[in-house]
Amino acid sequence: MCQNIKRVCVLGTGVLGSQIAYQTAYSGFDVVAYDINDEILEGAKERFAKLVATYKREVPGASGGRAEDALSRLRLSADLADAVRDVDLVIEAVPKSLDIKKQTYEQLASLAPARTIFATNSSTLLPSHMAAATGRPDRFLALHFANEVWRFNTAEIMGTPDTDPAVYHMVVEFATAIGMVPIELHKEKAGYVLNSLLVPFLNAAAALAEGGYADPDDVDKTWRIATGAPLGPFQMYDVIGLMTPYNILIHGDQDDRRIADWLKKNYIDKGKLGVATGAGFYTYS
């Protein structure tokens, strides 16, 4: 257990937010998972139940009741004041919109205890762009997880020039305590380490398909066969969910916006958002 962080709130119960919350509870911490209404939280309950089954199947030591026990340390709330009233760390995993994130932090600033550390899980936005809205820039930083946290267990940690080094160290300690491998960034970089490598790769794949050079399935086959990788880029898109790359691309240059329009017209507008909706570039049962 982490000495300085014992109670955690995760804001947002989407695919990654629910994973972060469950992994934290699985590691012995008391966790509140917050989302904006009870209907969304009902969907989160289903995701948590699936995570129990996944951990029992894939995580050594998760059988024998440990996977189920995690749920006893995991509480759901649609009341932000209730969710953060006595927590040591808030991990924000709300939609990737700077305005939404700023509004969230402005609310948090007046509701959370003064000791509470705020961490954004944003994969592309710099924490310094949100720091002023937190009301506590010295206790704010980025803590970025990869999808399927139980398998791909990196936690990229990135502060701003205002982040207290002691707070940074606490979050490194916390990441270790929940089974992650801390990746410490020495200064701010949009995309951190993982997405600085991954995003150009995915964009290149999308450009091949959008430009009519090759079908997504053939792009994936090429990558898997030639490199031995378990997934091709379009399979990765489906796991990530198509709204995430769309929201990034729509704010990019002309080429990025063209790919975003292609994603929207051919997939997003048809409800094909990836694995979570049962269809994306591929169809899932």
C-alpha atoms as a PDB file:
ATOM      1  CA  MET A   1       0.000   0.000   0.000  1.00  0.00           C
ATOM      2  CA  CYS A   2       1.138   3.550  -0.718  1.00  0.00           C
ATOM      3  CA  GLN A   3       1.958   5.512   2.434  1.00  0.00           C
ATOM      4  CA  ASN A   4       0.452   8.845   1.356  1.00  0.00           C
ATOM      5  CA  ILE A   5      -2.379   7.700  -0.911  1.00  0.00           C
ATOM      6  CA  LYS A   6      -5.042   5.335   0.399  1.00  0.00           C
ATOM      7  CA  ARG A   7      -8.374   6.554  -1.014  1.00  0.00           C
ATOM      8  CA  VAL A   8      -8.778   7.224  -4.725  1.00  0.00           C
ATOM      9  CA  CYS A   9     -11.507   8.628  -6.974  1.00  0.00           C
ATOM     10  CA  VAL A  10     -11.562   7.934 -10.707  1.00  0.00           C
ATOM     11  CA  LEU A  11     -13.587  10.432 -12.740  1.00  0.00           C
ATOM     12  CA  GLY A  12     -15.063   8.747 -15.790  1.00  0.00           C
ATOM     13  CA  THR A  13     -16.105   5.108 -16.119  1.00  0.00           C
ATOM     14  CA  GLY A  14     -15.466   4.542 -19.805  1.00  0.00           C
ATOM     15  CA  VAL A  15     -13.259   1.732 -21.061  1.00  0.00           C
ATOM     16  CA  LEU A  16     -10.029   3.007 -19.523  1.00  0.00           C
ATOM     17  CA  GLY A  17     -11.535   4.789 -16.525  1.00  0.00           C
ATOM     18  CA  SER A  18     -13.238   1.579 -15.400  1.00  0.00           C
ATOM     19  CA  GLN A  19      -9.989  -0.351 -15.832  1.00  0.00           C
ATOM     20  CA  ILE A  20      -8.052   2.167 -13.732  1.00  0.00           C
ATOM     21  CA  ALA A  21     -10.690   2.083 -10.999  1.00  0.00           C
ATOM     22  CA  TYR A  22     -10.854  -1.708 -10.924  1.00  0.00           C
ATOM     23  CA  GLN A  23      -7.066  -2.201 -10.989  1.00  0.00           C
ATOM     24  CA  THR A  24      -6.713   0.259  -8.106  1.00  0.00           C
ATOM     25  CA  ALA A  25      -9.366  -1.552  -6.055  1.00  0.00           C
ATOM     26  CA  TYR A  26      -7.845  -4.915  -6.990  1.00  0.00           C
ATOM     27  CA  SER A  27      -4.555  -3.630  -5.550  1.00  0.00           C
ATOM     28  CA  GLY A  28      -6.163  -2.972  -2.166  1.00  0.00           C
ATOM     29  CA  PHE A  29      -7.174   0.691  -2.338  1.00  0.00           C
ATOM     30  CA  ASP A  30     -10.595   2.124  -1.546  1.00  0.00           C
ATOM     31  CA  VAL A  31     -11.963   3.554  -4.786  1.00  0.00           C
ATOM     32  CA  VAL A  32     -14.902   5.720  -5.821  1.00  0.00           C
ATOM     33  CA  ALA A  33     -15.774   5.556  -9.517  1.00  0.00           C
ATOM     34  CA  TYR A  34     -17.641   8.700 -10.579  1.00  0.00           C
ATOM     35  CA  ASP A  35     -19.705   9.444 -13.652  1.00  0.00           C
ATOM     36  CA  ILE A  36     -22.325  12.019 -14.503  1.00  0.00           C
ATOM     37  CA  ASN A  37     -25.489   9.933 -14.088  1.00  0.00           C
ATOM     38  CA  ASP A  38     -26.819   6.600 -12.849  1.00  0.00           C
ATOM     39  CA  GLU A  39     -27.508   5.322 -16.349  1.00  0.00           C
ATOM     40  CA  ILE A  40     -23.830   5.572 -17.251  1.00  0.00           C
ATOM     41  CA  LEU A  41     -22.912   3.938 -13.944  1.00  0.00           C
ATOM     42  CA  GLU A  42     -25.125   0.967 -14.813  1.00  0.00           C
ATOM     43  CA  GLY A  43     -22.911   0.433 -17.858  1.00  0.00           C
ATOM     44  CA  ALA A  44     -19.888   0.708 -15.596  1.00  0.00           C
ATOM     45  CA  LYS A  45     -21.239  -2.111 -13.416  1.00  0.00           C
ATOM     46  CA  GLU A  46     -21.273  -4.344 -16.489  1.00  0.00           C
ATOM     47  CA  ARG A  47     -17.686  -3.383 -17.331  1.00  0.00           C
ATOM     48  CA  PHE A  48     -16.563  -4.147 -13.780  1.00  0.00           C
ATOM     49  CA  ALA A  49     -18.270  -7.553 -13.906  1.00  0.00           C
ATOM     50  CA  LYS A  50     -16.469  -8.316 -17.170  1.00  0.00           C
ATOM     51  CA  LEU A  51     -13.172  -7.212 -15.623  1.00  0.00           C
ATOM     52  CA  VAL A  52     -13.687  -9.702 -12.786  1.00  0.00           C
ATOM     53  CA  ALA A  53     -14.012 -12.490 -15.341  1.00  0.00           C
ATOM     54  CA  THR A  54     -11.046 -11.185 -17.365  1.00  0.00           C
ATOM     55  CA  TYR A  55      -8.763 -10.997 -14.324  1.00  0.00           C
ATOM     56  CA  LYS A  56      -9.727 -14.522 -13.221  1.00  0.00           C
ATOM     57  CA  ARG A  57      -8.872 -15.734 -16.701  1.00  0.00           C
ATOM     58  CA  GLU A  58      -5.724 -13.719 -17.409  1.00  0.00           C
ATOM     59  CA  VAL A  59      -4.140 -12.464 -14.167  1.00  0.00           C
ATOM     60  CA  PRO A  60      -2.104 -14.907 -12.059  1.00  0.00           C
ATOM     61  CA  GLY A  61      -3.425 -14.992  -8.498  1.00  0.00           C
ATOM     62  CA  ALA A  62      -6.783 -13.415  -9.350  1.00  0.00           C
ATOM     63  CA  SER A  63      -8.760 -16.593  -8.712  1.00  0.00           C
ATOM     64  CA  GLY A  64      -9.742 -17.732  -5.250  1.00  0.00           C
ATOM     65  CA  GLY A  65     -11.963 -14.720  -4.661  1.00  0.00           C
ATOM     66  CA  ARG A  66      -9.432 -11.910  -5.084  1.00  0.00           C
ATOM     67  CA  ALA A  67     -10.995 -10.618  -8.301  1.00  0.00           C
ATOM     68  CA  GLU A  68     -14.446 -10.522  -6.668  1.00  0.00           C
ATOM     69  CA  ASP A  69     -13.064  -8.939  -3.485  1.00  0.00           C
ATOM     70  CA  ALA A  70     -11.965  -5.907  -5.500  1.00  0.00           C
ATOM     71  CA  LEU A  71     -15.622  -4.997  -6.009  1.00  0.00           C
ATOM     72  CA  SER A  72     -16.100  -4.643  -2.242  1.00  0.00           C
ATOM     73  CA  ARG A  73     -13.571  -1.772  -2.298  1.00  0.00           C
ATOM     74  CA  LEU A  74     -15.187  -0.097  -5.300  1.00  0.00           C
ATOM     75  CA  ARG A  75     -18.077   2.340  -4.834  1.00  0.00           C
ATOM     76  CA  LEU A  76     -19.989   4.108  -7.627  1.00  0.00           C
ATOM     77  CA  SER A  77     -21.293   7.658  -7.382  1.00  0.00           C
ATOM     78  CA  ALA A  78     -22.984  10.207  -9.632  1.00  0.00           C
ATOM     79  CA  ASP A  79     -22.499  12.961  -7.019  1.00  0.00           C
ATOM     80  CA  LEU A  80     -19.144  14.695  -7.515  1.00  0.00           C
ATOM     81  CA  ALA A  81     -19.038  16.225  -4.029  1.00  0.00           C
ATOM     82  CA  ASP A  82     -19.744  12.820  -2.503  1.00  0.00           C
ATOM     83  CA  ALA A  83     -17.185  11.107  -4.735  1.00  0.00           C
ATOM     84  CA  VAL A  84     -14.235  13.327  -3.788  1.00  0.00           C
ATOM     85  CA  ARG A  85     -15.068  14.390  -0.238  1.00  0.00           C
ATOM     86  CA  ASP A  86     -12.329  12.345   1.472  1.00  0.00           C
ATOM     87  CA  VAL A  87      -9.925  11.094  -1.198  1.00  0.00           C
ATOM     88  CA  ASP A  88      -6.167  11.470  -1.444  1.00  0.00           C
ATOM     89  CA  LEU A  89      -5.965  11.223  -5.231  1.00  0.00           C
ATOM     90  CA  VAL A  90      -8.360  12.006  -8.081  1.00  0.00           C
ATOM     91  CA  ILE A  91      -7.559  10.420 -11.445  1.00  0.00           C
ATOM     92  CA  GLU A  92      -9.439  12.241 -14.193  1.00  0.00           C
ATOM     93  CA  ALA A  93     -10.437  10.176 -17.230  1.00  0.00           C
ATOM     94  CA  VAL A  94     -13.204  12.346 -18.711  1.00  0.00           C
ATOM     95  CA  PRO A  95     -13.634  12.998 -22.477  1.00  0.00           C
ATOM     96  CA  LYS A  96     -10.609  14.414 -24.284  1.00  0.00           C
ATOM     97  CA  SER A  97     -11.857  17.979 -24.502  1.00  0.00           C
ATOM     98  CA  LEU A  98      -9.795  20.753 -22.927  1.00  0.00           C
ATOM     99  CA  ASP A  99     -12.936  22.739 -22.081  1.00  0.00           C
ATOM    100  CA  ILE A 100     -14.599  19.762 -20.384  1.00  0.00           C
ATOM    101  CA  LYS A 101     -11.443  18.995 -18.422  1.00  0.00           C
ATOM    102  CA  LYS A 102     -11.039  22.618 -17.280  1.00  0.00           C
ATOM    103  CA  GLN A 103     -14.679  22.774 -16.173  1.00  0.00           C
ATOM    104  CA  THR A 104     -14.222  19.508 -14.278  1.00  0.00           C
ATOM    105  CA  TYR A 105     -11.145  20.790 -12.451  1.00  0.00           C
ATOM    106  CA  GLU A 106     -12.833  24.070 -11.564  1.00  0.00           C
ATOM    107  CA  GLN A 107     -15.589  22.055  -9.880  1.00  0.00           C
ATOM    108  CA  LEU A 108     -13.092  19.755  -8.203  1.00  0.00           C
ATOM    109  CA  ALA A 109     -11.080  22.647  -6.807  1.00  0.00           C
ATOM    110  CA  SER A 110     -13.937  23.679  -4.527  1.00  0.00           C
ATOM    111  CA  LEU A 111     -15.060  20.167  -3.586  1.00  0.00           C
ATOM    112  CA  ALA A 112     -11.942  18.090  -2.891  1.00  0.00           C
ATOM    113  CA  PRO A 113      -9.861  18.413   0.287  1.00  0.00           C
ATOM    114  CA  ALA A 114      -6.835  20.699   0.059  1.00  0.00           C
ATOM    115  CA  ARG A 115      -4.505  17.694   0.415  1.00  0.00           C
ATOM    116  CA  THR A 116      -5.972  15.876  -2.602  1.00  0.00           C
ATOM    117  CA  ILE A 117      -3.716  15.332  -5.598  1.00  0.00           C
ATOM    118  CA  PHE A 118      -5.264  15.715  -9.056  1.00  0.00           C
ATOM    119  CA  ALA A 119      -3.967  13.622 -11.970  1.00  0.00           C
ATOM    120  CA  THR A 120      -5.125  13.706 -15.577  1.00  0.00           C
ATOM    121  CA  ASN A 121      -5.087  10.562 -17.690  1.00  0.00           C
ATOM    122  CA  SER A 122      -5.133  12.628 -20.897  1.00  0.00           C
ATOM    123  CA  SER A 123      -3.048  10.981 -23.603  1.00  0.00           C
ATOM    124  CA  THR A 124      -2.431  14.116 -25.665  1.00  0.00           C
ATOM    125  CA  LEU A 125      -3.251  17.306 -23.741  1.00  0.00           C
ATOM    126  CA  LEU A 126      -0.417  18.832 -21.728  1.00  0.00           C
ATOM    127  CA  PRO A 127      -1.122  19.101 -17.997  1.00  0.00           C
ATOM    128  CA  SER A 128       0.111  22.712 -17.994  1.00  0.00           C
ATOM    129  CA  HIS A 129      -2.886  23.590 -20.184  1.00  0.00           C
ATOM    130  CA  MET A 130      -5.191  22.582 -17.309  1.00  0.00           C
ATOM    131  CA  ALA A 131      -3.064  23.392 -14.267  1.00  0.00           C
ATOM    132  CA  ALA A 132      -4.531  26.844 -13.520  1.00  0.00           C
ATOM    133  CA  ALA A 133      -8.079  25.444 -13.495  1.00  0.00           C
ATOM    134  CA  THR A 134      -7.175  22.992 -10.719  1.00  0.00           C
ATOM    135  CA  GLY A 135      -6.567  25.730  -8.156  1.00  0.00           C
ATOM    136  CA  ARG A 136      -3.603  23.663  -6.932  1.00  0.00           C
ATOM    137  CA  PRO A 137      -0.988  23.476  -9.711  1.00  0.00           C
ATOM    138  CA  ASP A 138       1.610  22.230  -7.237  1.00  0.00           C
ATOM    139  CA  ARG A 139      -0.548  19.143  -6.602  1.00  0.00           C
ATOM    140  CA  PHE A 140      -1.414  18.422 -10.223  1.00  0.00           C
ATOM    141  CA  LEU A 141       0.260  16.251 -12.859  1.00  0.00           C
ATOM    142  CA  ALA A 142      -0.439  13.684 -15.568  1.00  0.00           C
ATOM    143  CA  LEU A 143      -0.763   9.950 -14.929  1.00  0.00           C
ATOM    144  CA  HIS A 144      -1.374   8.126 -18.200  1.00  0.00           C
ATOM    145  CA  PHE A 145      -2.338   4.450 -18.453  1.00  0.00           C
ATOM    146  CA  ALA A 146      -2.360   2.171 -21.491  1.00  0.00           C
ATOM    147  CA  ASN A 147      -5.502   0.248 -22.421  1.00  0.00           C
ATOM    148  CA  GLU A 148      -5.805  -3.212 -20.797  1.00  0.00           C
ATOM    149  CA  VAL A 149      -3.898  -2.054 -17.718  1.00  0.00           C
ATOM    150  CA  TRP A 150      -3.578  -5.568 -16.292  1.00  0.00           C
ATOM    151  CA  ARG A 151      -1.506  -6.607 -19.336  1.00  0.00           C
ATOM    152  CA  PHE A 152       0.113  -3.433 -20.613  1.00  0.00           C
ATOM    153  CA  ASN A 153       0.970  -2.023 -17.233  1.00  0.00           C
ATOM    154  CA  THR A 154       2.851   1.173 -17.911  1.00  0.00           C
ATOM    155  CA  ALA A 155       1.974   4.383 -16.056  1.00  0.00           C
ATOM    156  CA  GLU A 156       3.487   7.457 -17.666  1.00  0.00           C
ATOM    157  CA  ILE A 157       3.975  10.250 -15.124  1.00  0.00           C
ATOM    158  CA  MET A 158       4.506  13.811 -16.275  1.00  0.00           C
ATOM    159  CA  GLY A 159       4.513  16.941 -14.163  1.00  0.00           C
ATOM    160  CA  THR A 160       4.471  20.626 -15.038  1.00  0.00           C
ATOM    161  CA  PRO A 161       7.051  23.210 -13.944  1.00  0.00           C
ATOM    162  CA  ASP A 162       4.730  23.900 -10.971  1.00  0.00           C
ATOM    163  CA  THR A 163       4.333  20.295  -9.777  1.00  0.00           C
ATOM    164  CA  ASP A 164       5.785  19.732  -6.306  1.00  0.00           C
ATOM    165  CA  PRO A 165       8.547  17.081  -6.614  1.00  0.00           C
ATOM    166  CA  ALA A 166       7.232  15.438  -3.442  1.00  0.00           C
ATOM    167  CA  VAL A 167       3.791  15.074  -5.049  1.00  0.00           C
ATOM    168  CA  TYR A 168       5.393  13.642  -8.185  1.00  0.00           C
ATOM    169  CA  HIS A 169       7.202  11.061  -6.041  1.00  0.00           C
ATOM    170  CA  MET A 170       3.951  10.122  -4.261  1.00  0.00           C
ATOM    171  CA  VAL A 171       2.292   9.379  -7.591  1.00  0.00           C
ATOM    172  CA  VAL A 172       5.275   7.304  -8.739  1.00  0.00           C
ATOM    173  CA  GLU A 173       4.937   5.343  -5.493  1.00  0.00           C
ATOM    174  CA  PHE A 174       1.189   4.939  -6.036  1.00  0.00           C
ATOM    175  CA  ALA A 175       1.658   3.691  -9.595  1.00  0.00           C
ATOM    176  CA  THR A 176       4.065   1.044  -8.341  1.00  0.00           C
ATOM    177  CA  ALA A 177       1.635   0.047  -5.565  1.00  0.00           C
ATOM    178  CA  ILE A 178      -1.140  -0.718  -8.080  1.00  0.00           C
ATOM    179  CA  GLY A 179       1.101  -2.951 -10.173  1.00  0.00           C
ATOM    180  CA  MET A 180       2.161  -0.459 -12.812  1.00  0.00           C
ATOM    181  CA  VAL A 181       5.658   0.209 -14.136  1.00  0.00           C
ATOM    182  CA  PRO A 182       6.207   3.974 -13.671  1.00  0.00           C
ATOM    183  CA  ILE A 183       7.598   5.734 -16.738  1.00  0.00           C
ATOM    184  CA  GLU A 184       8.920   9.079 -15.514  1.00  0.00           C
ATOM    185  CA  LEU A 185       9.019  11.919 -18.017  1.00  0.00           C
ATOM    186  CA  HIS A 186      11.503  14.669 -17.260  1.00  0.00           C
ATOM    187  CA  LYS A 187       9.501  17.404 -18.977  1.00  0.00           C
ATOM    188  CA  GLU A 188       6.189  17.865 -20.760  1.00  0.00           C
ATOM    189  CA  LYS A 189       5.682  16.172 -24.104  1.00  0.00           C
ATOM    190  CA  ALA A 190       2.328  15.915 -25.884  1.00  0.00           C
ATOM    191  CA  GLY A 191       1.688  12.210 -26.374  1.00  0.00           C
ATOM    192  CA  TYR A 192       4.097  11.199 -23.613  1.00  0.00           C
ATOM    193  CA  VAL A 193       6.301   8.265 -24.655  1.00  0.00           C
ATOM    194  CA  LEU A 194       3.668   5.742 -25.750  1.00  0.00           C
ATOM    195  CA  ASN A 195       1.502   7.945 -27.929  1.00  0.00           C
ATOM    196  CA  SER A 196       4.475   9.810 -29.380  1.00  0.00           C
ATOM    197  CA  LEU A 197       5.301   6.423 -30.903  1.00  0.00           C
ATOM    198  CA  LEU A 198       1.792   5.046 -31.431  1.00  0.00           C
ATOM    199  CA  VAL A 199      -0.168   7.973 -32.883  1.00  0.00           C
ATOM    200  CA  PRO A 200       2.035   8.514 -35.979  1.00  0.00           C
ATOM    201  CA  PHE A 201       1.873   4.758 -36.609  1.00  0.00           C
ATOM    202  CA  LEU A 202      -1.935   4.675 -36.433  1.00  0.00           C
ATOM    203  CA  ASN A 203      -2.219   7.826 -38.546  1.00  0.00           C
ATOM    204  CA  ALA A 204      -0.019   6.264 -41.225  1.00  0.00           C
ATOM    205  CA  ALA A 205      -2.279   3.200 -41.316  1.00  0.00           C
ATOM    206  CA  ALA A 206      -5.409   5.336 -41.565  1.00  0.00           C
ATOM    207  CA  ALA A 207      -3.856   7.367 -44.394  1.00  0.00           C
ATOM    208  CA  LEU A 208      -3.284   4.166 -46.369  1.00  0.00           C
ATOM    209  CA  ALA A 209      -6.935   3.140 -46.046  1.00  0.00           C
ATOM    210  CA  GLU A 210      -8.432   6.629 -46.416  1.00  0.00           C
ATOM    211  CA  GLY A 211      -6.325   7.210 -49.527  1.00  0.00           C
ATOM    212  CA  GLY A 212      -7.546   3.986 -51.121  1.00  0.00           C
ATOM    213  CA  TYR A 213      -4.108   2.359 -51.150  1.00  0.00           C
ATOM    214  CA  ALA A 214      -5.089  -0.750 -49.164  1.00  0.00           C
ATOM    215  CA  ASP A 215      -8.014  -2.113 -47.172  1.00  0.00           C
ATOM    216  CA  PRO A 216      -7.775  -2.007 -43.362  1.00  0.00           C
ATOM    217  CA  ASP A 217      -7.677  -5.808 -43.198  1.00  0.00           C
ATOM    218  CA  ASP A 218      -4.715  -5.973 -45.583  1.00  0.00           C
ATOM    219  CA  VAL A 219      -2.881  -3.244 -43.686  1.00  0.00           C
ATOM    220  CA  ASP A 220      -3.366  -5.261 -40.493  1.00  0.00           C
ATOM    221  CA  LYS A 221      -2.245  -8.508 -42.113  1.00  0.00           C
ATOM    222  CA  THR A 222       0.894  -6.835 -43.448  1.00  0.00           C
ATOM    223  CA  TRP A 223       1.827  -5.520 -40.022  1.00  0.00           C
ATOM    224  CA  ARG A 224       1.096  -8.770 -38.177  1.00  0.00           C
ATOM    225  CA  ILE A 225       2.904 -11.035 -40.643  1.00  0.00           C
ATOM    226  CA  ALA A 226       5.921  -8.797 -41.220  1.00  0.00           C
ATOM    227  CA  THR A 227       6.551  -7.886 -37.570  1.00  0.00           C
ATOM    228  CA  GLY A 228       5.022 -10.722 -35.555  1.00  0.00           C
ATOM    229  CA  ALA A 229       2.834  -8.220 -33.706  1.00  0.00           C
ATOM    230  CA  PRO A 230      -0.375  -9.669 -32.233  1.00  0.00           C
ATOM    231  CA  LEU A 231      -2.572  -6.825 -33.509  1.00  0.00           C
ATOM    232  CA  GLY A 232      -2.638  -4.657 -36.594  1.00  0.00           C
ATOM    233  CA  PRO A 233      -3.255  -0.896 -36.414  1.00  0.00           C
ATOM    234  CA  PHE A 234      -6.968  -1.106 -37.248  1.00  0.00           C
ATOM    235  CA  GLN A 235      -7.478  -3.772 -34.595  1.00  0.00           C
ATOM    236  CA  MET A 236      -5.781  -1.332 -32.210  1.00  0.00           C
ATOM    237  CA  TYR A 237      -8.157   1.415 -33.343  1.00  0.00           C
ATOM    238  CA  ASP A 238     -11.109  -0.817 -32.455  1.00  0.00           C
ATOM    239  CA  VAL A 239      -9.722  -1.572 -28.993  1.00  0.00           C
ATOM    240  CA  ILE A 240      -9.017   2.104 -28.306  1.00  0.00           C
ATOM    241  CA  GLY A 241     -12.388   3.182 -29.696  1.00  0.00           C
ATOM    242  CA  LEU A 242     -12.726   5.361 -32.782  1.00  0.00           C
ATOM    243  CA  MET A 243     -13.926   8.474 -30.954  1.00  0.00           C
ATOM    244  CA  THR A 244     -10.541   8.944 -29.282  1.00  0.00           C
ATOM    245  CA  PRO A 245      -8.493   9.183 -32.504  1.00  0.00           C
ATOM    246  CA  TYR A 246     -11.298  11.197 -34.133  1.00  0.00           C
ATOM    247  CA  ASN A 247     -11.199  13.795 -31.350  1.00  0.00           C
ATOM    248  CA  ILE A 248      -7.427  14.084 -31.782  1.00  0.00           C
ATOM    249  CA  LEU A 249      -7.414  14.176 -35.587  1.00  0.00           C
ATOM    250  CA  ILE A 250     -10.182  16.771 -35.919  1.00  0.00           C
ATOM    251  CA  HIS A 251      -7.864  19.327 -34.271  1.00  0.00           C
ATOM    252  CA  GLY A 252      -4.860  18.457 -36.459  1.00  0.00           C
ATOM    253  CA  ASP A 253      -3.616  19.678 -39.815  1.00  0.00           C
ATOM    254  CA  GLN A 254      -5.406  19.321 -43.155  1.00  0.00           C
ATOM    255  CA  ASP A 255      -4.337  15.680 -43.611  1.00  0.00           C
ATOM    256  CA  ASP A 256      -5.461  14.801 -40.088  1.00  0.00           C
ATOM    257  CA  ARG A 257      -8.850  16.450 -40.589  1.00  0.00           C
ATOM    258  CA  ARG A 258      -9.343  14.556 -43.844  1.00  0.00           C
ATOM    259  CA  ILE A 259      -8.752  11.257 -42.016  1.00  0.00           C
ATOM    260  CA  ALA A 260     -11.121  12.403 -39.258  1.00  0.00           C
ATOM    261  CA  ASP A 261     -13.840  13.066 -41.847  1.00  0.00           C
ATOM    262  CA  TRP A 262     -13.256   9.610 -43.334  1.00  0.00           C
ATOM    263  CA  LEU A 263     -13.598   7.986 -39.907  1.00  0.00           C
ATOM    264  CA  LYS A 264     -16.774   9.912 -39.191  1.00  0.00           C
ATOM    265  CA  LYS A 265     -18.492   9.246 -42.533  1.00  0.00           C
ATOM    266  CA  ASN A 266     -17.606   5.556 -42.870  1.00  0.00           C
ATOM    267  CA  TYR A 267     -17.628   4.366 -39.268  1.00  0.00           C
ATOM    268  CA  ILE A 268     -18.631   6.774 -36.493  1.00  0.00           C
ATOM    269  CA  ASP A 269     -21.834   8.011 -38.163  1.00  0.00           C
ATOM    270  CA  LYS A 270     -22.819   4.364 -38.652  1.00  0.00           C
ATOM    271  CA  GLY A 271     -22.366   3.577 -34.961  1.00  0.00           C
ATOM    272  CA  LYS A 272     -19.171   1.634 -35.600  1.00  0.00           C
ATOM    273  CA  LEU A 273     -17.078   2.916 -32.705  1.00  0.00           C
ATOM    274  CA  GLY A 274     -14.967  -0.155 -31.983  1.00  0.00           C
ATOM    275  CA  VAL A 275     -15.038  -3.196 -29.720  1.00  0.00           C
ATOM    276  CA  ALA A 276     -17.216  -1.472 -27.091  1.00  0.00           C
ATOM    277  CA  THR A 277     -20.110  -1.094 -29.569  1.00  0.00           C
ATOM    278  CA  GLY A 278     -19.658  -4.467 -31.250  1.00  0.00           C
ATOM    279  CA  ALA A 279     -18.365  -3.060 -34.521  1.00  0.00           C
ATOM    280  CA  GLY A 280     -15.646  -0.780 -35.822  1.00  0.00           C
ATOM    281  CA  PHE A 281     -13.295  -1.780 -38.577  1.00  0.00           C
ATOM    282  CA  TYR A 282     -14.277  -5.330 -37.601  1.00  0.00           C
ATOM    283  CA  THR A 283     -17.414  -6.932 -36.161  1.00  0.00           C
ATOM    284  CA  TYR A 284     -17.413  -8.402 -32.639  1.00  0.00           C
ATOM    285  CA  SER A 285     -19.816 -10.754 -30.922  1.00  0.00           C
END
